[in-house]
């Protein structure tokens, strides 16, 4: 199955539908697919790390640095 072709066909079906119920069902499915299920403790960890980052209290890396570090780690 060609994923890109499948997406295009689904978009065409979506554009041609006249039923609001279909759109609501599709939205619910897609939103559920994107849900991130973190525990309250995990959310707290993310919030704490974000605060540290915003205060410039942690080291951050550009995307290029991340890729370089990953390549070096695999050598």
C-alpha atoms as a PDB file:
ATOM      1  CA  UNK A   1       0.000   0.000   0.000  1.00  0.00           C
ATOM      2  CA  UNK A   2       1.309   3.435  -0.951  1.00  0.00           C
ATOM      3  CA  UNK A   3       0.781   5.567   2.147  1.00  0.00           C
ATOM      4  CA  UNK A   4       0.800   8.876   0.283  1.00  0.00           C
ATOM      5  CA  UNK A   5      -1.775   7.653  -2.225  1.00  0.00           C
ATOM      6  CA  UNK A   6      -3.949   6.358   0.599  1.00  0.00           C
ATOM      7  CA  UNK A   7      -3.813   9.769   2.310  1.00  0.00           C
ATOM      8  CA  UNK A   8      -4.779  11.562  -0.897  1.00  0.00           C
ATOM      9  CA  UNK A   9      -7.725   9.228  -1.433  1.00  0.00           C
ATOM     10  CA  UNK A  10      -8.898   9.813   2.140  1.00  0.00           C
ATOM     11  CA  UNK A  11      -8.599  13.573   1.695  1.00  0.00           C
ATOM     12  CA  UNK A  12     -10.731  13.361  -1.446  1.00  0.00           C
ATOM     13  CA  UNK A  13     -13.371  11.351   0.405  1.00  0.00           C
ATOM     14  CA  UNK A  14     -13.297  13.869   3.229  1.00  0.00           C
ATOM     15  CA  UNK A  15     -13.727  16.799   0.864  1.00  0.00           C
ATOM     16  CA  UNK A  16     -16.666  15.120  -0.838  1.00  0.00           C
ATOM     17  CA  UNK A  17     -18.585  14.104   2.275  1.00  0.00           C
ATOM     18  CA  UNK A  18     -21.730  15.996   3.171  1.00  0.00           C
ATOM     19  CA  UNK A  19     -22.384  14.276   6.476  1.00  0.00           C
ATOM     20  CA  UNK A  20     -21.372  16.166   9.582  1.00  0.00           C
ATOM     21  CA  UNK A  21     -21.551  12.931  11.564  1.00  0.00           C
ATOM     22  CA  UNK A  22     -18.773  11.443   9.429  1.00  0.00           C
ATOM     23  CA  UNK A  23     -16.584  14.476  10.045  1.00  0.00           C
ATOM     24  CA  UNK A  24     -17.170  14.281  13.807  1.00  0.00           C
ATOM     25  CA  UNK A  25     -16.324  10.576  13.881  1.00  0.00           C
ATOM     26  CA  UNK A  26     -13.182  11.096  11.854  1.00  0.00           C
ATOM     27  CA  UNK A  27     -12.088  13.981  14.078  1.00  0.00           C
ATOM     28  CA  UNK A  28     -12.605  11.847  17.183  1.00  0.00           C
ATOM     29  CA  UNK A  29     -10.560   9.005  15.714  1.00  0.00           C
ATOM     30  CA  UNK A  30      -7.693  11.275  14.675  1.00  0.00           C
ATOM     31  CA  UNK A  31      -7.636  13.155  17.974  1.00  0.00           C
ATOM     32  CA  UNK A  32      -7.609   9.901  19.922  1.00  0.00           C
ATOM     33  CA  UNK A  33      -4.698   8.707  17.788  1.00  0.00           C
ATOM     34  CA  UNK A  34      -2.696  11.765  18.824  1.00  0.00           C
ATOM     35  CA  UNK A  35      -3.394  11.501  22.547  1.00  0.00           C
ATOM     36  CA  UNK A  36      -0.351  11.379  24.762  1.00  0.00           C
ATOM     37  CA  UNK A  37      -1.016   9.396  27.887  1.00  0.00           C
ATOM     38  CA  UNK A  38       1.260  10.603  30.660  1.00  0.00           C
ATOM     39  CA  UNK A  39       0.795  10.013  34.330  1.00  0.00           C
ATOM     40  CA  UNK A  40       0.552  13.045  36.638  1.00  0.00           C
ATOM     41  CA  UNK A  41       4.116  12.311  37.805  1.00  0.00           C
ATOM     42  CA  UNK A  42       5.351  12.313  34.208  1.00  0.00           C
ATOM     43  CA  UNK A  43       3.593  15.627  33.528  1.00  0.00           C
ATOM     44  CA  UNK A  44       5.301  17.069  36.612  1.00  0.00           C
ATOM     45  CA  UNK A  45       8.714  15.942  35.346  1.00  0.00           C
ATOM     46  CA  UNK A  46       8.058  17.542  31.959  1.00  0.00           C
ATOM     47  CA  UNK A  47       6.853  20.762  33.604  1.00  0.00           C
ATOM     48  CA  UNK A  48       9.914  20.910  35.860  1.00  0.00           C
ATOM     49  CA  UNK A  49      12.298  20.353  32.963  1.00  0.00           C
ATOM     50  CA  UNK A  50      10.490  22.948  30.875  1.00  0.00           C
ATOM     51  CA  UNK A  51      10.795  25.518  33.670  1.00  0.00           C
ATOM     52  CA  UNK A  52      14.519  24.834  33.975  1.00  0.00           C
ATOM     53  CA  UNK A  53      14.899  25.212  30.228  1.00  0.00           C
ATOM     54  CA  UNK A  54      12.986  28.505  30.147  1.00  0.00           C
ATOM     55  CA  UNK A  55      15.215  29.844  32.925  1.00  0.00           C
ATOM     56  CA  UNK A  56      18.300  28.821  30.886  1.00  0.00           C
ATOM     57  CA  UNK A  57      19.368  26.517  33.697  1.00  0.00           C
ATOM     58  CA  UNK A  58      19.866  23.527  31.410  1.00  0.00           C
ATOM     59  CA  UNK A  59      21.951  22.879  28.346  1.00  0.00           C
ATOM     60  CA  UNK A  60      20.088  22.893  25.067  1.00  0.00           C
ATOM     61  CA  UNK A  61      21.190  21.782  21.636  1.00  0.00           C
ATOM     62  CA  UNK A  62      20.368  22.725  18.069  1.00  0.00           C
ATOM     63  CA  UNK A  63      18.932  20.028  15.822  1.00  0.00           C
ATOM     64  CA  UNK A  64      22.276  19.825  14.017  1.00  0.00           C
ATOM     65  CA  UNK A  65      24.083  19.252  17.329  1.00  0.00           C
ATOM     66  CA  UNK A  66      21.623  16.510  18.253  1.00  0.00           C
ATOM     67  CA  UNK A  67      22.172  14.728  14.942  1.00  0.00           C
ATOM     68  CA  UNK A  68      25.951  15.040  15.245  1.00  0.00           C
ATOM     69  CA  UNK A  69      25.941  13.711  18.815  1.00  0.00           C
ATOM     70  CA  UNK A  70      23.728  10.790  17.784  1.00  0.00           C
ATOM     71  CA  UNK A  71      26.055   9.901  14.903  1.00  0.00           C
ATOM     72  CA  UNK A  72      29.117  10.078  17.142  1.00  0.00           C
ATOM     73  CA  UNK A  73      27.467   7.889  19.765  1.00  0.00           C
ATOM     74  CA  UNK A  74      26.846   5.193  17.152  1.00  0.00           C
ATOM     75  CA  UNK A  75      30.457   4.960  15.997  1.00  0.00           C
END
